[in-house]
Structure formats: C-alpha cells, structure tokens
Amino acid sequence: DRLRYYAPLTEAFLARADVKAFVKAWAG
C-alpha cells in the first residue's frame, strides 16, 4: 500500500540483443 521508486535497469543492459529477445519472446 505504498509507492516504491527504484533505479531503472541500465541502458547498456536494455540495449543487449539477448535482453530484447527475451522480453519479446516472453511477451509473445
């Protein structure tokens, strides 16, 4: 019952091809 603020995943991590592939496959 509270808002929790966290630092984001790093740009370098999100730019990785295997991260993008994982997220796309998971969404699929």
PDB file of all heavy atoms in Angstrom:
ATOM      1  N   ASP A   1       0.808  -1.220   0.000  1.00  0.00           N
ATOM      2  CA  ASP A   1       0.000   0.000   0.000  1.00  0.00           C
ATOM      3  C   ASP A   1       0.843   1.273   0.000  1.00  0.00           C
ATOM      4  O   ASP A   1       0.489   2.282   0.618  1.00  0.00           O
ATOM      5  CB  ASP A   1      -0.953   0.012   1.205  1.00  0.00           C
ATOM      6  CG  ASP A   1      -1.975  -1.110   1.134  1.00  0.00           C
ATOM      7  OD1 ASP A   1      -2.543  -1.330   0.049  1.00  0.00           O
ATOM      8  OD2 ASP A   1      -2.206  -1.772   2.163  1.00  0.00           O
ATOM      9  N   ARG A   2       1.953   1.221  -0.719  1.00  0.00           N
ATOM     10  CA  ARG A   2       2.778   2.418  -0.844  1.00  0.00           C
ATOM     11  C   ARG A   2       3.436   2.416  -2.208  1.00  0.00           C
ATOM     12  O   ARG A   2       3.611   1.369  -2.838  1.00  0.00           O
ATOM     13  CB  ARG A   2       3.826   2.478   0.265  1.00  0.00           C
ATOM     14  CG  ARG A   2       4.828   1.331   0.229  1.00  0.00           C
ATOM     15  CD  ARG A   2       5.718   1.308   1.468  1.00  0.00           C
ATOM     16  NE  ARG A   2       6.498   2.533   1.591  1.00  0.00           N
ATOM     17  CZ  ARG A   2       7.338   2.756   2.598  1.00  0.00           C
ATOM     18  NH1 ARG A   2       7.489   1.853   3.558  1.00  0.00           N
ATOM     19  NH2 ARG A   2       8.027   3.873   2.651  1.00  0.00           N
ATOM     20  N   LEU A   3       3.804   3.597  -2.671  1.00  0.00           N
ATOM     21  CA  LEU A   3       4.535   3.711  -3.934  1.00  0.00           C
ATOM     22  C   LEU A   3       6.013   3.457  -3.652  1.00  0.00           C
ATOM     23  O   LEU A   3       6.578   4.004  -2.702  1.00  0.00           O
ATOM     24  CB  LEU A   3       4.346   5.094  -4.543  1.00  0.00           C
ATOM     25  CG  LEU A   3       2.907   5.480  -4.884  1.00  0.00           C
ATOM     26  CD1 LEU A   3       2.867   6.873  -5.513  1.00  0.00           C
ATOM     27  CD2 LEU A   3       2.271   4.463  -5.814  1.00  0.00           C
ATOM     28  N   ARG A   4       6.627   2.629  -4.495  1.00  0.00           N
ATOM     29  CA  ARG A   4       8.041   2.315  -4.322  1.00  0.00           C
ATOM     30  C   ARG A   4       8.801   2.712  -5.586  1.00  0.00           C
ATOM     31  O   ARG A   4       8.452   2.297  -6.694  1.00  0.00           O
ATOM     32  CB  ARG A   4       8.226   0.828  -4.026  1.00  0.00           C
ATOM     33  CG  ARG A   4       7.734   0.438  -2.645  1.00  0.00           C
ATOM     34  CD  ARG A   4       8.028  -1.015  -2.359  1.00  0.00           C
ATOM     35  NE  ARG A   4       7.053  -1.911  -2.968  1.00  0.00           N
ATOM     36  CZ  ARG A   4       7.299  -3.165  -3.318  1.00  0.00           C
ATOM     37  NH1 ARG A   4       8.506  -3.670  -3.186  1.00  0.00           N
ATOM     38  NH2 ARG A   4       6.353  -3.911  -3.823  1.00  0.00           N
ATOM     39  N   TYR A   5       9.826   3.504  -5.399  1.00  0.00           N
ATOM     40  CA  TYR A   5      10.618   4.032  -6.510  1.00  0.00           C
ATOM     41  C   TYR A   5      11.991   3.372  -6.522  1.00  0.00           C
ATOM     42  O   TYR A   5      12.669   3.305  -5.501  1.00  0.00           O
ATOM     43  CB  TYR A   5      10.782   5.548  -6.360  1.00  0.00           C
ATOM     44  CG  TYR A   5       9.478   6.310  -6.400  1.00  0.00           C
ATOM     45  CD1 TYR A   5       8.697   6.455  -5.256  1.00  0.00           C
ATOM     46  CD2 TYR A   5       9.015   6.879  -7.588  1.00  0.00           C
ATOM     47  CE1 TYR A   5       7.500   7.146  -5.296  1.00  0.00           C
ATOM     48  CE2 TYR A   5       7.819   7.578  -7.633  1.00  0.00           C
ATOM     49  CZ  TYR A   5       7.065   7.706  -6.479  1.00  0.00           C
ATOM     50  OH  TYR A   5       5.869   8.394  -6.512  1.00  0.00           O
ATOM     51  N   TYR A   6      12.387   2.892  -7.705  1.00  0.00           N
ATOM     52  CA  TYR A   6      13.666   2.208  -7.845  1.00  0.00           C
ATOM     53  C   TYR A   6      14.434   2.761  -9.039  1.00  0.00           C
ATOM     54  O   TYR A   6      13.833   3.274 -10.011  1.00  0.00           O
ATOM     55  CB  TYR A   6      13.452   0.707  -8.050  1.00  0.00           C
ATOM     56  CG  TYR A   6      12.810   0.010  -6.882  1.00  0.00           C
ATOM     57  CD1 TYR A   6      11.446  -0.261  -6.869  1.00  0.00           C
ATOM     58  CD2 TYR A   6      13.561  -0.378  -5.773  1.00  0.00           C
ATOM     59  CE1 TYR A   6      10.845  -0.901  -5.794  1.00  0.00           C
ATOM     60  CE2 TYR A   6      12.982  -1.023  -4.696  1.00  0.00           C
ATOM     61  CZ  TYR A   6      11.616  -1.281  -4.706  1.00  0.00           C
ATOM     62  OH  TYR A   6      11.030  -1.901  -3.639  1.00  0.00           O
ATOM     63  N   ALA A   7      15.733   2.617  -9.001  1.00  0.00           N
ATOM     64  CA  ALA A   7      16.559   2.968 -10.157  1.00  0.00           C
ATOM     65  C   ALA A   7      16.217   2.041 -11.319  1.00  0.00           C
ATOM     66  O   ALA A   7      15.903   0.867 -11.122  1.00  0.00           O
ATOM     67  CB  ALA A   7      18.037   2.844  -9.795  1.00  0.00           C
ATOM     68  N   PRO A   8      16.265   2.558 -12.553  1.00  0.00           N
ATOM     69  CA  PRO A   8      15.922   1.722 -13.710  1.00  0.00           C
ATOM     70  C   PRO A   8      17.023   0.751 -14.070  1.00  0.00           C
ATOM     71  O   PRO A   8      18.185   0.906 -13.667  1.00  0.00           O
ATOM     72  CB  PRO A   8      15.732   2.759 -14.824  1.00  0.00           C
ATOM     73  CG  PRO A   8      16.655   3.879 -14.445  1.00  0.00           C
ATOM     74  CD  PRO A   8      16.612   3.941 -12.932  1.00  0.00           C
ATOM     75  N   LEU A   9      16.659  -0.269 -14.833  1.00  0.00           N
ATOM     76  CA  LEU A   9      17.665  -1.115 -15.455  1.00  0.00           C
ATOM     77  C   LEU A   9      18.551  -0.242 -16.334  1.00  0.00           C
ATOM     78  O   LEU A   9      18.080   0.726 -16.943  1.00  0.00           O
ATOM     79  CB  LEU A   9      16.997  -2.206 -16.291  1.00  0.00           C
ATOM     80  CG  LEU A   9      16.075  -3.159 -15.520  1.00  0.00           C
ATOM     81  CD1 LEU A   9      15.327  -4.063 -16.487  1.00  0.00           C
ATOM     82  CD2 LEU A   9      16.865  -3.985 -14.515  1.00  0.00           C
ATOM     83  N   THR A  10      19.819  -0.570 -16.428  1.00  0.00           N
ATOM     84  CA  THR A  10      20.750   0.302 -17.143  1.00  0.00           C
ATOM     85  C   THR A  10      20.479   0.285 -18.652  1.00  0.00           C
ATOM     86  O   THR A  10      19.975  -0.706 -19.197  1.00  0.00           O
ATOM     87  CB  THR A  10      22.203  -0.113 -16.890  1.00  0.00           C
ATOM     88  OG1 THR A  10      22.424  -1.403 -17.463  1.00  0.00           O
ATOM     89  CG2 THR A  10      22.511  -0.154 -15.394  1.00  0.00           C
ATOM     90  N   GLU A  11      20.823   1.366 -19.292  1.00  0.00           N
ATOM     91  CA  GLU A  11      20.665   1.455 -20.750  1.00  0.00           C
ATOM     92  C   GLU A  11      21.480   0.369 -21.441  1.00  0.00           C
ATOM     93  O   GLU A  11      21.027  -0.212 -22.434  1.00  0.00           O
ATOM     94  CB  GLU A  11      21.092   2.840 -21.246  1.00  0.00           C
ATOM     95  CG  GLU A  11      20.164   3.972 -20.813  1.00  0.00           C
ATOM     96  CD  GLU A  11      20.585   5.307 -21.397  1.00  0.00           C
ATOM     97  OE1 GLU A  11      21.527   5.312 -22.238  1.00  0.00           O
ATOM     98  OE2 GLU A  11      20.005   6.329 -21.030  1.00  0.00           O
ATOM     99  N   ALA A  12      22.663   0.096 -20.919  1.00  0.00           N
ATOM    100  CA  ALA A  12      23.518  -0.928 -21.539  1.00  0.00           C
ATOM    101  C   ALA A  12      22.856  -2.299 -21.465  1.00  0.00           C
ATOM    102  O   ALA A  12      22.913  -3.082 -22.423  1.00  0.00           O
ATOM    103  CB  ALA A  12      24.882  -0.952 -20.859  1.00  0.00           C
ATOM    104  N   PHE A  13      22.236  -2.602 -20.334  1.00  0.00           N
ATOM    105  CA  PHE A  13      21.567  -3.893 -20.196  1.00  0.00           C
ATOM    106  C   PHE A  13      20.374  -3.978 -21.144  1.00  0.00           C
ATOM    107  O   PHE A  13      20.205  -4.977 -21.860  1.00  0.00           O
ATOM    108  CB  PHE A  13      21.124  -4.096 -18.751  1.00  0.00           C
ATOM    109  CG  PHE A  13      20.420  -5.404 -18.510  1.00  0.00           C
ATOM    110  CD1 PHE A  13      21.131  -6.592 -18.454  1.00  0.00           C
ATOM    111  CD2 PHE A  13      19.038  -5.447 -18.338  1.00  0.00           C
ATOM    112  CE1 PHE A  13      20.486  -7.808 -18.233  1.00  0.00           C
ATOM    113  CE2 PHE A  13      18.380  -6.645 -18.114  1.00  0.00           C
ATOM    114  CZ  PHE A  13      19.107  -7.828 -18.065  1.00  0.00           C
ATOM    115  N   LEU A  14      19.543  -2.959 -21.178  1.00  0.00           N
ATOM    116  CA  LEU A  14      18.346  -2.996 -22.027  1.00  0.00           C
ATOM    117  C   LEU A  14      18.692  -2.977 -23.513  1.00  0.00           C
ATOM    118  O   LEU A  14      17.879  -3.397 -24.341  1.00  0.00           O
ATOM    119  CB  LEU A  14      17.433  -1.814 -21.694  1.00  0.00           C
ATOM    120  CG  LEU A  14      16.756  -1.866 -20.320  1.00  0.00           C
ATOM    121  CD1 LEU A  14      15.908  -0.611 -20.112  1.00  0.00           C
ATOM    122  CD2 LEU A  14      15.893  -3.115 -20.187  1.00  0.00           C
ATOM    123  N   ALA A  15      19.884  -2.513 -23.848  1.00  0.00           N
ATOM    124  CA  ALA A  15      20.296  -2.475 -25.249  1.00  0.00           C
ATOM    125  C   ALA A  15      20.806  -3.822 -25.748  1.00  0.00           C
ATOM    126  O   ALA A  15      20.972  -4.015 -26.965  1.00  0.00           O
ATOM    127  CB  ALA A  15      21.378  -1.415 -25.450  1.00  0.00           C
ATOM    128  N   ARG A  16      21.038  -4.763 -24.850  1.00  0.00           N
ATOM    129  CA  ARG A  16      21.561  -6.062 -25.249  1.00  0.00           C
ATOM    130  C   ARG A  16      20.553  -6.803 -26.142  1.00  0.00           C
ATOM    131  O   ARG A  16      19.344  -6.832 -25.859  1.00  0.00           O
ATOM    132  CB  ARG A  16      21.870  -6.911 -24.023  1.00  0.00           C
ATOM    133  CG  ARG A  16      23.027  -6.414 -23.173  1.00  0.00           C
ATOM    134  CD  ARG A  16      23.360  -7.438 -22.072  1.00  0.00           C
ATOM    135  NE  ARG A  16      23.595  -8.752 -22.639  1.00  0.00           N
ATOM    136  CZ  ARG A  16      24.758  -9.168 -23.134  1.00  0.00           C
ATOM    137  NH1 ARG A  16      25.803  -8.355 -23.135  1.00  0.00           N
ATOM    138  NH2 ARG A  16      24.883 -10.384 -23.634  1.00  0.00           N
ATOM    139  N   ALA A  17      21.059  -7.445 -27.177  1.00  0.00           N
ATOM    140  CA  ALA A  17      20.188  -8.188 -28.092  1.00  0.00           C
ATOM    141  C   ALA A  17      19.489  -9.337 -27.386  1.00  0.00           C
ATOM    142  O   ALA A  17      18.319  -9.631 -27.663  1.00  0.00           O
ATOM    143  CB  ALA A  17      21.000  -8.701 -29.283  1.00  0.00           C
ATOM    144  N   ASP A  18      20.201 -10.009 -26.448  1.00  0.00           N
ATOM    145  CA  ASP A  18      19.563 -11.146 -25.787  1.00  0.00           C
ATOM    146  C   ASP A  18      18.509 -10.710 -24.769  1.00  0.00           C
ATOM    147  O   ASP A  18      17.566 -11.456 -24.484  1.00  0.00           O
ATOM    148  CB  ASP A  18      20.595 -12.077 -25.151  1.00  0.00           C
ATOM    149  CG  ASP A  18      21.522 -11.408 -24.159  1.00  0.00           C
ATOM    150  OD1 ASP A  18      21.459 -10.172 -23.997  1.00  0.00           O
ATOM    151  OD2 ASP A  18      22.332 -12.126 -23.527  1.00  0.00           O
ATOM    152  N   VAL A  19      18.638  -9.496 -24.236  1.00  0.00           N
ATOM    153  CA  VAL A  19      17.600  -8.958 -23.355  1.00  0.00           C
ATOM    154  C   VAL A  19      16.352  -8.640 -24.170  1.00  0.00           C
ATOM    155  O   VAL A  19      15.226  -8.994 -23.785  1.00  0.00           O
ATOM    156  CB  VAL A  19      18.103  -7.713 -22.603  1.00  0.00           C
ATOM    157  CG1 VAL A  19      16.969  -7.044 -21.830  1.00  0.00           C
ATOM    158  CG2 VAL A  19      19.241  -8.082 -21.662  1.00  0.00           C
ATOM    159  N   LYS A  20      16.534  -7.977 -25.306  1.00  0.00           N
ATOM    160  CA  LYS A  20      15.390  -7.661 -26.164  1.00  0.00           C
ATOM    161  C   LYS A  20      14.704  -8.938 -26.649  1.00  0.00           C
ATOM    162  O   LYS A  20      13.468  -9.018 -26.682  1.00  0.00           O
ATOM    163  CB  LYS A  20      15.852  -6.825 -27.359  1.00  0.00           C
ATOM    164  CG  LYS A  20      16.344  -5.434 -26.979  1.00  0.00           C
ATOM    165  CD  LYS A  20      16.797  -4.668 -28.213  1.00  0.00           C
ATOM    166  CE  LYS A  20      17.287  -3.283 -27.859  1.00  0.00           C
ATOM    167  NZ  LYS A  20      17.744  -2.532 -29.060  1.00  0.00           N
ATOM    168  N   ALA A  21      15.495  -9.942 -27.008  1.00  0.00           N
ATOM    169  CA  ALA A  21      14.915 -11.203 -27.489  1.00  0.00           C
ATOM    170  C   ALA A  21      14.131 -11.891 -26.378  1.00  0.00           C
ATOM    171  O   ALA A  21      13.052 -12.456 -26.620  1.00  0.00           O
ATOM    172  CB  ALA A  21      16.016 -12.121 -28.018  1.00  0.00           C
ATOM    173  N   PHE A  22      14.656 -11.858 -25.163  1.00  0.00           N
ATOM    174  CA  PHE A  22      13.964 -12.475 -24.027  1.00  0.00           C
ATOM    175  C   PHE A  22      12.622 -11.789 -23.784  1.00  0.00           C
ATOM    176  O   PHE A  22      11.593 -12.455 -23.611  1.00  0.00           O
ATOM    177  CB  PHE A  22      14.848 -12.394 -22.785  1.00  0.00           C
ATOM    178  CG  PHE A  22      14.200 -12.897 -21.524  1.00  0.00           C
ATOM    179  CD1 PHE A  22      14.189 -14.254 -21.218  1.00  0.00           C
ATOM    180  CD2 PHE A  22      13.599 -12.015 -20.634  1.00  0.00           C
ATOM    181  CE1 PHE A  22      13.583 -14.721 -20.053  1.00  0.00           C
ATOM    182  CE2 PHE A  22      12.990 -12.467 -19.469  1.00  0.00           C
ATOM    183  CZ  PHE A  22      12.985 -13.824 -19.186  1.00  0.00           C
ATOM    184  N   VAL A  23      12.625 -10.462 -23.744  1.00  0.00           N
ATOM    185  CA  VAL A  23      11.391  -9.726 -23.482  1.00  0.00           C
ATOM    186  C   VAL A  23      10.372  -9.959 -24.592  1.00  0.00           C
ATOM    187  O   VAL A  23       9.180 -10.171 -24.330  1.00  0.00           O
ATOM    188  CB  VAL A  23      11.686  -8.221 -23.312  1.00  0.00           C
ATOM    189  CG1 VAL A  23      10.387  -7.413 -23.210  1.00  0.00           C
ATOM    190  CG2 VAL A  23      12.549  -7.981 -22.075  1.00  0.00           C
ATOM    191  N   LYS A  24      10.824  -9.944 -25.840  1.00  0.00           N
ATOM    192  CA  LYS A  24       9.905 -10.176 -26.961  1.00  0.00           C
ATOM    193  C   LYS A  24       9.332 -11.583 -26.923  1.00  0.00           C
ATOM    194  O   LYS A  24       8.130 -11.786 -27.145  1.00  0.00           O
ATOM    195  CB  LYS A  24      10.628  -9.922 -28.284  1.00  0.00           C
ATOM    196  CG  LYS A  24      10.928  -8.450 -28.549  1.00  0.00           C
ATOM    197  CD  LYS A  24      11.866  -8.261 -29.727  1.00  0.00           C
ATOM    198  CE  LYS A  24      11.288  -8.762 -31.018  1.00  0.00           C
ATOM    199  NZ  LYS A  24      12.182  -8.490 -32.164  1.00  0.00           N
ATOM    200  N   ALA A  25      10.176 -12.580 -26.631  1.00  0.00           N
ATOM    201  CA  ALA A  25       9.686 -13.957 -26.559  1.00  0.00           C
ATOM    202  C   ALA A  25       8.738 -14.133 -25.383  1.00  0.00           C
ATOM    203  O   ALA A  25       7.741 -14.856 -25.476  1.00  0.00           O
ATOM    204  CB  ALA A  25      10.863 -14.927 -26.454  1.00  0.00           C
ATOM    205  N   TRP A  26       9.036 -13.472 -24.269  1.00  0.00           N
ATOM    206  CA  TRP A  26       8.166 -13.563 -23.104  1.00  0.00           C
ATOM    207  C   TRP A  26       6.802 -12.923 -23.408  1.00  0.00           C
ATOM    208  O   TRP A  26       5.760 -13.503 -23.083  1.00  0.00           O
ATOM    209  CB  TRP A  26       8.820 -12.882 -21.904  1.00  0.00           C
ATOM    210  CG  TRP A  26       8.032 -13.050 -20.638  1.00  0.00           C
ATOM    211  CD1 TRP A  26       8.100 -14.103 -19.771  1.00  0.00           C
ATOM    212  CD2 TRP A  26       7.052 -12.163 -20.117  1.00  0.00           C
ATOM    213  NE1 TRP A  26       7.209 -13.917 -18.729  1.00  0.00           N
ATOM    214  CE2 TRP A  26       6.556 -12.738 -18.918  1.00  0.00           C
ATOM    215  CE3 TRP A  26       6.542 -10.932 -20.536  1.00  0.00           C
ATOM    216  CZ2 TRP A  26       5.574 -12.118 -18.142  1.00  0.00           C
ATOM    217  CZ3 TRP A  26       5.560 -10.316 -19.768  1.00  0.00           C
ATOM    218  CH2 TRP A  26       5.083 -10.919 -18.582  1.00  0.00           C
ATOM    219  N   ALA A  27       6.819 -11.758 -24.028  1.00  0.00           N
ATOM    220  CA  ALA A  27       5.556 -11.106 -24.393  1.00  0.00           C
ATOM    221  C   ALA A  27       4.767 -11.959 -25.375  1.00  0.00           C
ATOM    222  O   ALA A  27       3.536 -12.054 -25.296  1.00  0.00           O
ATOM    223  CB  ALA A  27       5.839  -9.726 -24.995  1.00  0.00           C
ATOM    224  N   GLY A  28       5.469 -12.612 -26.294  1.00  0.00           N
ATOM    225  CA  GLY A  28       4.795 -13.490 -27.240  1.00  0.00           C
ATOM    226  C   GLY A  28       4.176 -14.699 -26.575  1.00  0.00           C
ATOM    227  O   GLY A  28       3.085 -15.144 -26.942  1.00  0.00           O
TER     228      GLY A  28
END
